Amino acid sequence: MVWTPPGKNCGSCGLPSCDEFTHAVSTGTKNQADCPFSTGDQPAQSTGRARYSGTDVTGAQYDFVIHAFPGEPSARKFIVPFRADLVEKWDIRPGALVTGRPAGPGCPVYHVLRVLSANPVTGVLECHTVGPLAARREKTVDVQAYHVHAFEGIAETIHRPPTLGLRQRFLPGYCMMDLSHTAVVNMVLKKTDGIHVRVEDIRIQ
């Protein structure tokens, strides 16, 4: 049996992606045990994409996964720092690297986020999750704690497609906790690259 990295691109092994880790294992510069998701001594093989079973770490089923738009590193996440005034006070702008924990929904994982847009009135930051390695290479703005306002991306249906107006259970692509979230679906658009979806009022239940 061939072991496959999970495709989370979490950076815990010291490399930016699971593909690079698989190559490093094949050349002997990394060991399979360097991956925190390693399951044994089988040779590593990369699929280039995370695997989704439809059931999270608690056994709960989720309806869909939200993936990145084509050419982007992750689904877009919209956050509001607990002190929204800091966006204006600290002059957080597109391109900034922000760190903090999504303490609003209760996630224990510290995240590293690349800002795409910043609203100084509402304090909403539109971001990509980029992984911990970026924070070791660049200066960061640590907001410490934030609410997750929304996710936006391409939906992959697992059990049930996103339906406008419903609160549904979903998984953000590459979620390191493998823990499903619930949210209200407030936009569903069928486009050539897939189902463009936006969900708001994010909770972990």
N, C-alpha and C. Protein backbone atom coordinates (compact mmCIF):
# COMPACT_ATOMS: atom_id res chain seq x y z
N MET A 1 0.84 -1.21 0.00
CA MET A 1 0.00 0.00 0.00
C MET A 1 0.87 1.25 0.00
N VAL A 2 0.54 2.20 -0.84
CA VAL A 2 1.30 3.45 -0.94
C VAL A 2 0.63 4.52 -0.10
N TRP A 3 1.42 5.18 0.76
CA TRP A 3 0.89 6.26 1.58
C TRP A 3 0.86 7.55 0.77
N THR A 4 -0.21 8.31 0.92
CA THR A 4 -0.37 9.58 0.21
C THR A 4 -0.48 10.72 1.19
N PRO A 5 0.36 11.77 1.08
CA PRO A 5 0.20 12.94 1.94
C PRO A 5 -1.20 13.52 1.77
N PRO A 6 -1.72 14.19 2.79
CA PRO A 6 -3.13 14.63 2.76
C PRO A 6 -3.43 15.80 1.84
N GLY A 7 -2.39 16.45 1.28
CA GLY A 7 -2.64 17.58 0.40
C GLY A 7 -3.02 18.85 1.11
N LYS A 8 -2.73 18.94 2.42
CA LYS A 8 -3.10 20.11 3.20
C LYS A 8 -2.11 21.27 3.02
N ASN A 9 -0.90 20.95 2.52
CA ASN A 9 0.12 21.99 2.31
C ASN A 9 0.30 22.86 3.55
N CYS A 10 0.38 22.19 4.71
CA CYS A 10 0.39 22.92 5.98
C CYS A 10 1.75 23.51 6.32
N GLY A 11 2.82 23.01 5.70
CA GLY A 11 4.16 23.55 5.96
C GLY A 11 4.84 22.97 7.18
N SER A 12 4.19 22.07 7.91
CA SER A 12 4.78 21.54 9.14
C SER A 12 6.05 20.73 8.88
N CYS A 13 6.18 20.19 7.68
CA CYS A 13 7.37 19.42 7.32
C CYS A 13 8.54 20.32 6.96
N GLY A 14 8.27 21.62 6.82
CA GLY A 14 9.31 22.57 6.43
C GLY A 14 9.32 22.91 4.96
N LEU A 15 8.36 22.36 4.20
CA LEU A 15 8.26 22.63 2.77
C LEU A 15 6.89 23.22 2.45
N PRO A 16 6.79 23.99 1.37
CA PRO A 16 5.53 24.69 1.09
C PRO A 16 4.37 23.81 0.67
N SER A 17 4.64 22.61 0.12
CA SER A 17 3.53 21.80 -0.39
C SER A 17 3.79 20.32 -0.21
N CYS A 18 2.72 19.54 -0.27
CA CYS A 18 2.83 18.08 -0.18
C CYS A 18 3.58 17.51 -1.38
N ASP A 19 3.42 18.14 -2.56
CA ASP A 19 4.16 17.68 -3.74
C ASP A 19 5.66 17.79 -3.52
N GLU A 20 6.10 18.92 -2.96
CA GLU A 20 7.53 19.10 -2.71
C GLU A 20 8.03 18.14 -1.63
N PHE A 21 7.17 17.87 -0.64
CA PHE A 21 7.54 16.91 0.40
C PHE A 21 7.71 15.52 -0.19
N THR A 22 6.79 15.11 -1.06
CA THR A 22 6.87 13.79 -1.69
C THR A 22 8.17 13.67 -2.49
N HIS A 23 8.52 14.72 -3.22
CA HIS A 23 9.77 14.71 -3.98
C HIS A 23 10.97 14.62 -3.05
N ALA A 24 10.92 15.35 -1.94
CA ALA A 24 12.04 15.33 -0.98
C ALA A 24 12.20 13.95 -0.36
N VAL A 25 11.08 13.26 -0.09
CA VAL A 25 11.16 11.89 0.43
C VAL A 25 11.80 10.97 -0.59
N SER A 26 11.43 11.14 -1.86
CA SER A 26 11.96 10.27 -2.91
C SER A 26 13.45 10.47 -3.14
N THR A 27 13.95 11.68 -2.84
CA THR A 27 15.38 11.95 -3.02
C THR A 27 16.18 11.74 -1.74
N GLY A 28 15.47 11.45 -0.64
CA GLY A 28 16.15 11.17 0.61
C GLY A 28 16.47 12.37 1.47
N THR A 29 16.01 13.57 1.07
CA THR A 29 16.29 14.76 1.86
C THR A 29 15.27 14.97 2.98
N LYS A 30 14.15 14.25 2.91
CA LYS A 30 13.14 14.25 3.97
C LYS A 30 12.74 12.82 4.27
N ASN A 31 12.28 12.57 5.48
CA ASN A 31 11.74 11.28 5.85
C ASN A 31 10.23 11.38 5.95
N GLN A 32 9.54 10.27 5.68
CA GLN A 32 8.08 10.28 5.76
C GLN A 32 7.59 10.73 7.13
N ALA A 33 8.36 10.39 8.17
CA ALA A 33 7.98 10.76 9.53
C ALA A 33 7.99 12.27 9.75
N ASP A 34 8.60 13.04 8.84
CA ASP A 34 8.60 14.51 8.97
C ASP A 34 7.22 15.10 8.73
N CYS A 35 6.32 14.31 8.14
CA CYS A 35 4.93 14.76 7.94
C CYS A 35 4.11 14.39 9.16
N PRO A 36 3.43 15.37 9.79
CA PRO A 36 2.64 15.05 10.99
C PRO A 36 1.45 14.15 10.70
N PHE A 37 1.11 13.98 9.41
CA PHE A 37 -0.03 13.14 9.04
C PHE A 37 0.42 11.75 8.58
N SER A 38 1.72 11.44 8.72
CA SER A 38 2.25 10.17 8.27
C SER A 38 1.56 9.02 9.00
N THR A 39 1.31 7.94 8.25
CA THR A 39 0.60 6.81 8.83
C THR A 39 1.43 5.53 8.88
N GLY A 40 2.71 5.61 8.59
CA GLY A 40 3.53 4.39 8.63
C GLY A 40 4.74 4.50 7.73
N ASP A 41 5.21 3.38 7.24
CA ASP A 41 6.45 3.33 6.48
C ASP A 41 6.25 3.10 5.00
N GLN A 42 5.00 3.17 4.51
CA GLN A 42 4.78 2.97 3.09
C GLN A 42 5.40 4.11 2.30
N PRO A 43 5.86 3.86 1.08
CA PRO A 43 6.42 4.94 0.26
C PRO A 43 5.39 6.01 -0.03
N ALA A 44 5.86 7.25 -0.09
CA ALA A 44 4.93 8.38 -0.29
C ALA A 44 4.64 8.60 -1.75
N GLN A 45 3.40 8.95 -2.01
CA GLN A 45 2.96 9.27 -3.37
C GLN A 45 1.99 10.43 -3.28
N SER A 46 2.19 11.47 -4.09
CA SER A 46 1.33 12.64 -4.01
C SER A 46 0.25 12.61 -5.08
N THR A 47 -0.96 12.96 -4.70
CA THR A 47 -2.06 13.08 -5.66
C THR A 47 -2.23 14.52 -6.13
N GLY A 48 -1.57 15.47 -5.43
CA GLY A 48 -1.70 16.88 -5.79
C GLY A 48 -2.97 17.54 -5.28
N ARG A 49 -3.81 16.76 -4.58
CA ARG A 49 -5.07 17.33 -4.07
C ARG A 49 -5.44 16.65 -2.77
N ALA A 50 -5.99 17.42 -1.86
CA ALA A 50 -6.42 16.85 -0.58
C ALA A 50 -7.56 15.86 -0.81
N ARG A 51 -7.64 14.87 0.07
CA ARG A 51 -8.70 13.88 0.00
C ARG A 51 -9.80 14.24 1.00
N TYR A 52 -11.05 14.12 0.58
CA TYR A 52 -12.18 14.46 1.44
C TYR A 52 -13.13 13.28 1.51
N SER A 53 -13.33 12.76 2.72
CA SER A 53 -14.15 11.57 2.90
C SER A 53 -15.64 11.89 3.01
N GLY A 54 -15.96 13.15 3.33
CA GLY A 54 -17.36 13.52 3.58
C GLY A 54 -17.73 13.44 5.05
N THR A 55 -16.80 12.96 5.88
CA THR A 55 -17.02 12.86 7.32
C THR A 55 -15.84 13.48 8.03
N ASP A 56 -16.10 14.39 8.99
CA ASP A 56 -15.00 15.10 9.64
C ASP A 56 -14.45 14.28 10.81
N VAL A 57 -13.51 14.88 11.55
CA VAL A 57 -12.82 14.20 12.63
C VAL A 57 -13.75 13.76 13.76
N THR A 58 -14.90 14.40 13.88
CA THR A 58 -15.87 14.04 14.93
C THR A 58 -16.88 13.00 14.46
N GLY A 59 -16.84 12.66 13.17
CA GLY A 59 -17.81 11.73 12.60
C GLY A 59 -19.00 12.41 11.96
N ALA A 60 -19.03 13.74 11.98
CA ALA A 60 -20.15 14.48 11.38
C ALA A 60 -19.97 14.56 9.86
N GLN A 61 -21.06 14.42 9.13
CA GLN A 61 -21.02 14.53 7.68
C GLN A 61 -21.16 15.99 7.27
N TYR A 62 -20.44 16.38 6.23
CA TYR A 62 -20.58 17.73 5.68
C TYR A 62 -21.08 17.63 4.24
N ASP A 63 -21.79 18.69 3.82
CA ASP A 63 -22.43 18.68 2.50
C ASP A 63 -21.48 18.98 1.36
N PHE A 64 -20.55 19.89 1.59
CA PHE A 64 -19.65 20.29 0.50
C PHE A 64 -18.34 20.83 1.06
N VAL A 65 -17.35 20.93 0.17
CA VAL A 65 -16.04 21.51 0.49
C VAL A 65 -15.91 22.79 -0.31
N ILE A 66 -15.34 23.84 0.29
CA ILE A 66 -15.10 25.08 -0.43
C ILE A 66 -13.62 25.16 -0.80
N HIS A 67 -13.35 25.11 -2.12
CA HIS A 67 -12.00 25.17 -2.65
C HIS A 67 -11.66 26.58 -3.11
N ALA A 68 -10.40 26.77 -3.46
CA ALA A 68 -9.93 28.04 -4.00
C ALA A 68 -10.48 28.28 -5.40
N PHE A 69 -10.55 29.55 -5.77
CA PHE A 69 -10.80 29.89 -7.17
C PHE A 69 -9.57 29.50 -7.98
N PRO A 70 -9.73 29.26 -9.28
CA PRO A 70 -8.57 28.88 -10.11
C PRO A 70 -7.43 29.89 -9.99
N GLY A 71 -6.23 29.38 -9.79
CA GLY A 71 -5.05 30.23 -9.69
C GLY A 71 -4.81 30.85 -8.33
N GLU A 72 -5.69 30.55 -7.35
CA GLU A 72 -5.53 31.11 -6.01
C GLU A 72 -5.12 30.00 -5.03
N PRO A 73 -4.44 30.36 -3.93
CA PRO A 73 -3.90 29.33 -3.04
C PRO A 73 -4.91 28.70 -2.09
N SER A 74 -6.01 29.39 -1.81
CA SER A 74 -7.01 28.86 -0.88
C SER A 74 -8.32 29.59 -1.11
N ALA A 75 -9.39 29.06 -0.52
CA ALA A 75 -10.66 29.78 -0.57
C ALA A 75 -10.49 31.14 0.09
N ARG A 76 -11.26 32.11 -0.34
CA ARG A 76 -11.17 33.44 0.27
C ARG A 76 -11.89 33.43 1.61
N LYS A 77 -11.22 33.97 2.61
CA LYS A 77 -11.80 34.04 3.95
C LYS A 77 -11.92 35.50 4.34
N PHE A 78 -13.06 35.87 4.88
CA PHE A 78 -13.33 37.23 5.29
C PHE A 78 -13.36 37.25 6.82
N ILE A 79 -12.49 38.05 7.43
CA ILE A 79 -12.38 38.07 8.89
C ILE A 79 -12.58 39.47 9.43
N VAL A 80 -12.94 39.54 10.71
CA VAL A 80 -13.04 40.82 11.42
C VAL A 80 -12.28 40.67 12.74
N PRO A 81 -11.18 41.39 12.93
CA PRO A 81 -10.48 41.33 14.21
C PRO A 81 -11.41 41.70 15.36
N PHE A 82 -11.16 41.15 16.54
CA PHE A 82 -11.98 41.49 17.70
C PHE A 82 -12.01 43.00 17.93
N ARG A 83 -10.92 43.65 17.60
CA ARG A 83 -10.89 45.12 17.58
C ARG A 83 -10.80 45.56 16.13
N ALA A 84 -11.97 45.78 15.53
CA ALA A 84 -12.01 46.12 14.11
C ALA A 84 -11.33 47.45 13.81
N ASP A 85 -11.21 48.34 14.83
CA ASP A 85 -10.57 49.63 14.61
C ASP A 85 -9.09 49.49 14.28
N LEU A 86 -8.49 48.32 14.58
CA LEU A 86 -7.07 48.14 14.32
C LEU A 86 -6.75 48.12 12.83
N VAL A 87 -7.73 47.75 12.00
CA VAL A 87 -7.50 47.74 10.55
C VAL A 87 -7.12 49.14 10.08
N GLU A 88 -7.85 50.15 10.59
CA GLU A 88 -7.53 51.53 10.24
C GLU A 88 -6.33 52.04 11.04
N LYS A 89 -6.31 51.74 12.34
CA LYS A 89 -5.25 52.26 13.22
C LYS A 89 -3.88 51.75 12.80
N TRP A 90 -3.79 50.48 12.44
CA TRP A 90 -2.51 49.90 12.04
C TRP A 90 -2.27 49.97 10.54
N ASP A 91 -3.20 50.57 9.82
CA ASP A 91 -3.08 50.75 8.37
C ASP A 91 -2.83 49.42 7.66
N ILE A 92 -3.68 48.43 7.98
CA ILE A 92 -3.57 47.12 7.33
C ILE A 92 -4.07 47.24 5.90
N ARG A 93 -3.22 46.87 4.96
CA ARG A 93 -3.54 47.05 3.54
C ARG A 93 -3.38 45.75 2.77
N PRO A 94 -3.88 45.71 1.50
CA PRO A 94 -3.66 44.53 0.67
C PRO A 94 -2.17 44.18 0.58
N GLY A 95 -1.87 42.89 0.68
CA GLY A 95 -0.49 42.44 0.65
C GLY A 95 0.07 42.15 2.03
N ALA A 96 -0.54 42.73 3.07
CA ALA A 96 -0.05 42.50 4.44
C ALA A 96 -0.25 41.04 4.84
N LEU A 97 0.60 40.58 5.74
CA LEU A 97 0.49 39.24 6.29
C LEU A 97 -0.04 39.36 7.71
N VAL A 98 -1.22 38.79 7.96
CA VAL A 98 -1.89 38.91 9.25
C VAL A 98 -1.90 37.54 9.94
N THR A 99 -1.62 37.53 11.23
CA THR A 99 -1.71 36.29 12.00
C THR A 99 -2.76 36.46 13.09
N GLY A 100 -3.33 35.34 13.51
CA GLY A 100 -4.32 35.36 14.58
C GLY A 100 -5.10 34.06 14.62
N ARG A 101 -5.92 33.93 15.64
CA ARG A 101 -6.72 32.72 15.82
C ARG A 101 -8.19 33.03 15.59
N PRO A 102 -8.89 32.20 14.80
CA PRO A 102 -10.33 32.41 14.61
C PRO A 102 -11.11 32.04 15.87
N ALA A 103 -10.98 32.87 16.88
CA ALA A 103 -11.56 32.58 18.19
C ALA A 103 -13.07 32.78 18.22
N GLY A 104 -13.62 33.54 17.26
CA GLY A 104 -15.07 33.70 17.20
C GLY A 104 -15.78 32.36 17.10
N PRO A 105 -15.43 31.52 16.09
CA PRO A 105 -16.05 30.20 16.01
C PRO A 105 -15.40 29.16 16.92
N GLY A 106 -14.29 29.51 17.57
CA GLY A 106 -13.68 28.60 18.54
C GLY A 106 -12.60 27.70 18.00
N CYS A 107 -11.97 28.05 16.89
CA CYS A 107 -10.89 27.23 16.33
C CYS A 107 -9.61 27.46 17.13
N PRO A 108 -8.88 26.40 17.52
CA PRO A 108 -7.66 26.57 18.32
C PRO A 108 -6.41 26.83 17.49
N VAL A 109 -6.51 26.79 16.16
CA VAL A 109 -5.33 26.89 15.29
C VAL A 109 -5.02 28.34 14.95
N TYR A 110 -3.77 28.75 15.15
CA TYR A 110 -3.32 30.08 14.73
C TYR A 110 -3.15 30.06 13.21
N HIS A 111 -3.68 31.07 12.53
CA HIS A 111 -3.65 31.12 11.07
C HIS A 111 -2.74 32.24 10.58
N VAL A 112 -2.22 32.05 9.38
CA VAL A 112 -1.44 33.08 8.68
C VAL A 112 -2.20 33.43 7.42
N LEU A 113 -2.53 34.70 7.25
CA LEU A 113 -3.42 35.16 6.19
C LEU A 113 -2.81 36.28 5.38
N ARG A 114 -2.93 36.17 4.05
CA ARG A 114 -2.49 37.25 3.15
C ARG A 114 -3.70 38.12 2.82
N VAL A 115 -3.61 39.40 3.09
CA VAL A 115 -4.74 40.31 2.90
C VAL A 115 -4.91 40.64 1.42
N LEU A 116 -6.14 40.48 0.92
CA LEU A 116 -6.49 40.85 -0.45
C LEU A 116 -7.14 42.22 -0.50
N SER A 117 -7.99 42.51 0.49
CA SER A 117 -8.62 43.82 0.59
C SER A 117 -8.89 44.11 2.05
N ALA A 118 -8.92 45.39 2.39
CA ALA A 118 -9.13 45.82 3.78
C ALA A 118 -10.12 46.97 3.80
N ASN A 119 -11.16 46.84 4.60
CA ASN A 119 -12.18 47.89 4.70
C ASN A 119 -11.99 48.63 6.02
N PRO A 120 -11.52 49.89 5.99
CA PRO A 120 -11.27 50.62 7.23
C PRO A 120 -12.54 51.02 7.98
N VAL A 121 -13.69 50.95 7.32
CA VAL A 121 -14.96 51.30 7.98
C VAL A 121 -15.50 50.13 8.79
N THR A 122 -15.60 48.96 8.16
CA THR A 122 -16.16 47.79 8.83
C THR A 122 -15.10 46.94 9.54
N GLY A 123 -13.85 47.08 9.12
CA GLY A 123 -12.79 46.25 9.66
C GLY A 123 -12.70 44.89 9.01
N VAL A 124 -13.48 44.63 7.96
CA VAL A 124 -13.45 43.34 7.29
C VAL A 124 -12.19 43.21 6.44
N LEU A 125 -11.48 42.10 6.64
CA LEU A 125 -10.29 41.79 5.84
C LEU A 125 -10.60 40.58 4.96
N GLU A 126 -10.42 40.74 3.66
CA GLU A 126 -10.54 39.62 2.73
C GLU A 126 -9.16 39.00 2.59
N CYS A 127 -9.05 37.68 2.79
CA CYS A 127 -7.72 37.07 2.89
C CYS A 127 -7.66 35.71 2.20
N HIS A 128 -6.42 35.27 1.95
CA HIS A 128 -6.12 33.89 1.65
C HIS A 128 -5.37 33.30 2.84
N THR A 129 -5.66 32.07 3.19
CA THR A 129 -4.85 31.37 4.18
C THR A 129 -3.61 30.85 3.45
N VAL A 130 -2.43 31.20 3.95
CA VAL A 130 -1.20 30.88 3.21
C VAL A 130 -0.27 29.93 3.95
N GLY A 131 -0.54 29.60 5.21
CA GLY A 131 0.29 28.63 5.92
C GLY A 131 1.38 29.27 6.74
N PRO A 132 1.93 28.52 7.70
CA PRO A 132 2.86 29.08 8.69
C PRO A 132 4.23 29.46 8.14
N LEU A 133 4.65 28.87 7.03
CA LEU A 133 6.00 29.18 6.53
C LEU A 133 6.15 30.66 6.15
N ALA A 134 5.08 31.25 5.63
CA ALA A 134 5.15 32.66 5.21
C ALA A 134 5.49 33.56 6.39
N ALA A 135 4.98 33.21 7.58
CA ALA A 135 5.22 34.04 8.77
C ALA A 135 6.66 33.97 9.25
N ARG A 136 7.40 32.96 8.82
CA ARG A 136 8.81 32.85 9.19
C ARG A 136 9.69 33.66 8.27
N ARG A 137 9.14 34.06 7.13
CA ARG A 137 9.93 34.77 6.12
C ARG A 137 9.62 36.26 6.05
N GLU A 138 8.44 36.66 6.55
CA GLU A 138 8.02 38.05 6.41
C GLU A 138 7.54 38.62 7.74
N LYS A 139 7.52 39.93 7.79
CA LYS A 139 6.95 40.62 8.94
C LYS A 139 5.44 40.42 8.93
N THR A 140 4.87 40.19 10.12
CA THR A 140 3.43 39.96 10.22
C THR A 140 2.77 41.00 11.12
N VAL A 141 1.46 41.14 10.95
CA VAL A 141 0.64 41.95 11.84
C VAL A 141 -0.20 40.96 12.65
N ASP A 142 0.00 40.91 13.95
CA ASP A 142 -0.68 39.93 14.79
C ASP A 142 -1.91 40.56 15.43
N VAL A 143 -3.10 40.20 14.91
CA VAL A 143 -4.36 40.71 15.48
C VAL A 143 -4.84 39.81 16.62
N GLN A 144 -4.16 38.69 16.82
CA GLN A 144 -4.37 37.74 17.92
C GLN A 144 -5.67 36.95 17.83
N ALA A 145 -6.81 37.63 17.71
CA ALA A 145 -8.09 36.92 17.65
C ALA A 145 -9.03 37.62 16.69
N TYR A 146 -9.84 36.82 15.98
CA TYR A 146 -10.77 37.42 15.03
C TYR A 146 -12.01 36.55 14.86
N HIS A 147 -13.05 37.18 14.34
CA HIS A 147 -14.26 36.47 13.92
C HIS A 147 -14.11 36.11 12.44
N VAL A 148 -14.62 34.96 12.05
CA VAL A 148 -14.69 34.61 10.63
C VAL A 148 -16.06 35.05 10.12
N HIS A 149 -16.05 35.99 9.21
CA HIS A 149 -17.30 36.56 8.68
C HIS A 149 -17.87 35.72 7.54
N ALA A 150 -16.99 35.24 6.63
CA ALA A 150 -17.48 34.54 5.44
C ALA A 150 -16.36 33.74 4.79
N PHE A 151 -16.77 32.77 3.95
CA PHE A 151 -15.88 32.07 3.03
C PHE A 151 -16.46 32.21 1.63
N GLU A 152 -15.58 32.23 0.64
CA GLU A 152 -16.02 32.31 -0.74
C GLU A 152 -15.06 31.50 -1.60
N GLY A 153 -15.62 30.70 -2.51
CA GLY A 153 -14.78 29.89 -3.38
C GLY A 153 -15.62 28.99 -4.26
N ILE A 154 -15.00 27.89 -4.70
CA ILE A 154 -15.66 26.93 -5.57
C ILE A 154 -16.09 25.72 -4.74
N ALA A 155 -17.37 25.38 -4.79
CA ALA A 155 -17.91 24.30 -3.98
C ALA A 155 -17.79 22.95 -4.69
N GLU A 156 -17.29 21.96 -3.95
CA GLU A 156 -17.31 20.57 -4.40
C GLU A 156 -18.38 19.84 -3.58
N THR A 157 -19.43 19.40 -4.24
CA THR A 157 -20.51 18.71 -3.54
C THR A 157 -20.06 17.33 -3.07
N ILE A 158 -20.30 17.04 -1.80
CA ILE A 158 -19.98 15.73 -1.24
C ILE A 158 -21.26 14.95 -0.98
N HIS A 159 -22.17 15.52 -0.17
CA HIS A 159 -23.45 14.87 0.11
C HIS A 159 -24.63 15.65 -0.45
N ARG A 160 -24.55 16.99 -0.40
CA ARG A 160 -25.66 17.82 -0.87
C ARG A 160 -25.10 19.14 -1.38
N PRO A 161 -25.55 19.65 -2.52
CA PRO A 161 -25.00 20.89 -3.04
C PRO A 161 -25.40 22.09 -2.18
N PRO A 162 -24.61 23.17 -2.24
CA PRO A 162 -25.00 24.37 -1.51
C PRO A 162 -26.33 24.91 -2.03
N THR A 163 -27.20 25.29 -1.09
CA THR A 163 -28.55 25.75 -1.45
C THR A 163 -28.79 27.12 -0.82
N LEU A 164 -29.13 28.08 -1.64
CA LEU A 164 -29.32 29.45 -1.19
C LEU A 164 -30.29 29.52 -0.02
N GLY A 165 -29.88 30.19 1.06
CA GLY A 165 -30.75 30.42 2.21
C GLY A 165 -30.68 29.37 3.29
N LEU A 166 -30.06 28.23 3.01
CA LEU A 166 -29.98 27.16 4.01
C LEU A 166 -28.71 27.29 4.86
N ARG A 167 -28.80 26.89 6.13
CA ARG A 167 -27.60 26.69 6.94
C ARG A 167 -27.13 25.27 6.68
N GLN A 168 -25.91 25.13 6.18
CA GLN A 168 -25.39 23.82 5.83
C GLN A 168 -24.02 23.59 6.46
N ARG A 169 -23.68 22.32 6.55
CA ARG A 169 -22.38 21.93 7.08
C ARG A 169 -21.39 21.81 5.90
N PHE A 170 -20.23 22.43 6.04
CA PHE A 170 -19.23 22.40 4.98
C PHE A 170 -17.84 22.28 5.59
N LEU A 171 -16.86 22.02 4.74
CA LEU A 171 -15.47 21.98 5.18
C LEU A 171 -14.67 22.96 4.34
N PRO A 172 -13.95 23.90 4.96
CA PRO A 172 -13.04 24.74 4.18
C PRO A 172 -11.92 23.87 3.63
N GLY A 173 -11.57 24.05 2.38
CA GLY A 173 -10.50 23.27 1.79
C GLY A 173 -9.22 23.38 2.61
N TYR A 174 -8.51 22.26 2.78
CA TYR A 174 -7.25 22.16 3.51
C TYR A 174 -7.38 22.46 5.00
N CYS A 175 -8.58 22.36 5.57
CA CYS A 175 -8.75 22.60 7.00
C CYS A 175 -7.87 21.63 7.78
N MET A 176 -6.91 22.16 8.55
CA MET A 176 -5.96 21.31 9.27
C MET A 176 -6.62 20.55 10.41
N MET A 177 -7.73 21.06 10.93
CA MET A 177 -8.44 20.37 12.00
C MET A 177 -9.36 19.26 11.46
N ASP A 178 -9.65 19.29 10.15
CA ASP A 178 -10.61 18.36 9.56
C ASP A 178 -11.92 18.41 10.33
N LEU A 179 -12.35 19.65 10.64
CA LEU A 179 -13.55 19.86 11.45
C LEU A 179 -14.57 20.66 10.63
N SER A 180 -15.74 20.10 10.43
CA SER A 180 -16.73 20.79 9.60
C SER A 180 -17.28 22.03 10.30
N HIS A 181 -17.69 22.99 9.48
CA HIS A 181 -18.28 24.25 9.92
C HIS A 181 -19.73 24.29 9.45
N THR A 182 -20.53 25.17 10.04
CA THR A 182 -21.85 25.44 9.49
C THR A 182 -21.92 26.92 9.13
N ALA A 183 -22.74 27.22 8.13
CA ALA A 183 -22.91 28.60 7.70
C ALA A 183 -24.16 28.72 6.85
N VAL A 184 -24.63 29.96 6.68
CA VAL A 184 -25.77 30.23 5.81
C VAL A 184 -25.25 30.50 4.41
N VAL A 185 -25.76 29.79 3.44
CA VAL A 185 -25.38 29.99 2.04
C VAL A 185 -26.11 31.21 1.51
N ASN A 186 -25.38 32.25 1.12
CA ASN A 186 -26.07 33.45 0.62
C ASN A 186 -25.70 33.81 -0.80
N MET A 187 -24.94 32.93 -1.48
CA MET A 187 -24.70 33.12 -2.92
C MET A 187 -24.32 31.79 -3.53
N VAL A 188 -24.98 31.43 -4.63
CA VAL A 188 -24.64 30.23 -5.41
C VAL A 188 -24.72 30.62 -6.88
N LEU A 189 -23.60 30.57 -7.58
CA LEU A 189 -23.56 30.92 -8.99
C LEU A 189 -22.88 29.80 -9.77
N LYS A 190 -23.54 29.28 -10.80
CA LYS A 190 -22.92 28.27 -11.64
C LYS A 190 -22.09 28.95 -12.71
N LYS A 191 -20.78 28.69 -12.68
CA LYS A 191 -19.86 29.30 -13.63
C LYS A 191 -19.05 28.20 -14.33
N THR A 192 -18.28 28.60 -15.33
CA THR A 192 -17.53 27.61 -16.10
C THR A 192 -16.51 26.86 -15.26
N ASP A 193 -16.00 27.49 -14.20
CA ASP A 193 -15.00 26.83 -13.37
C ASP A 193 -15.62 26.12 -12.16
N GLY A 194 -16.95 26.07 -12.08
CA GLY A 194 -17.61 25.35 -11.01
C GLY A 194 -18.68 26.19 -10.32
N ILE A 195 -19.12 25.73 -9.16
CA ILE A 195 -20.16 26.43 -8.39
C ILE A 195 -19.50 27.45 -7.48
N HIS A 196 -19.70 28.72 -7.79
CA HIS A 196 -19.17 29.82 -7.00
C HIS A 196 -20.11 30.03 -5.82
N VAL A 197 -19.58 29.86 -4.61
CA VAL A 197 -20.42 29.91 -3.42
C VAL A 197 -19.85 30.89 -2.39
N ARG A 198 -20.74 31.52 -1.65
CA ARG A 198 -20.35 32.35 -0.51
C ARG A 198 -21.22 31.94 0.68
N VAL A 199 -20.58 31.78 1.83
CA VAL A 199 -21.31 31.42 3.05
C VAL A 199 -20.94 32.40 4.15
N GLU A 200 -21.91 32.71 5.02
CA GLU A 200 -21.70 33.66 6.11
C GLU A 200 -22.26 33.11 7.42
N ASP A 201 -21.99 33.82 8.52
CA ASP A 201 -22.38 33.40 9.88
C ASP A 201 -21.74 32.04 10.17
N ILE A 202 -20.42 32.04 10.19
CA ILE A 202 -19.64 30.81 10.33
C ILE A 202 -19.63 30.33 11.78
N ARG A 203 -19.92 29.04 11.96
CA ARG A 203 -19.86 28.43 13.28
C ARG A 203 -19.21 27.06 13.18
N ILE A 204 -18.59 26.62 14.27
CA ILE A 204 -18.12 25.25 14.38
C ILE A 204 -19.00 24.56 15.38
N GLN A 205 -19.72 23.54 14.94
CA GLN A 205 -20.71 22.88 15.80
C GLN A 205 -20.51 21.38 15.78
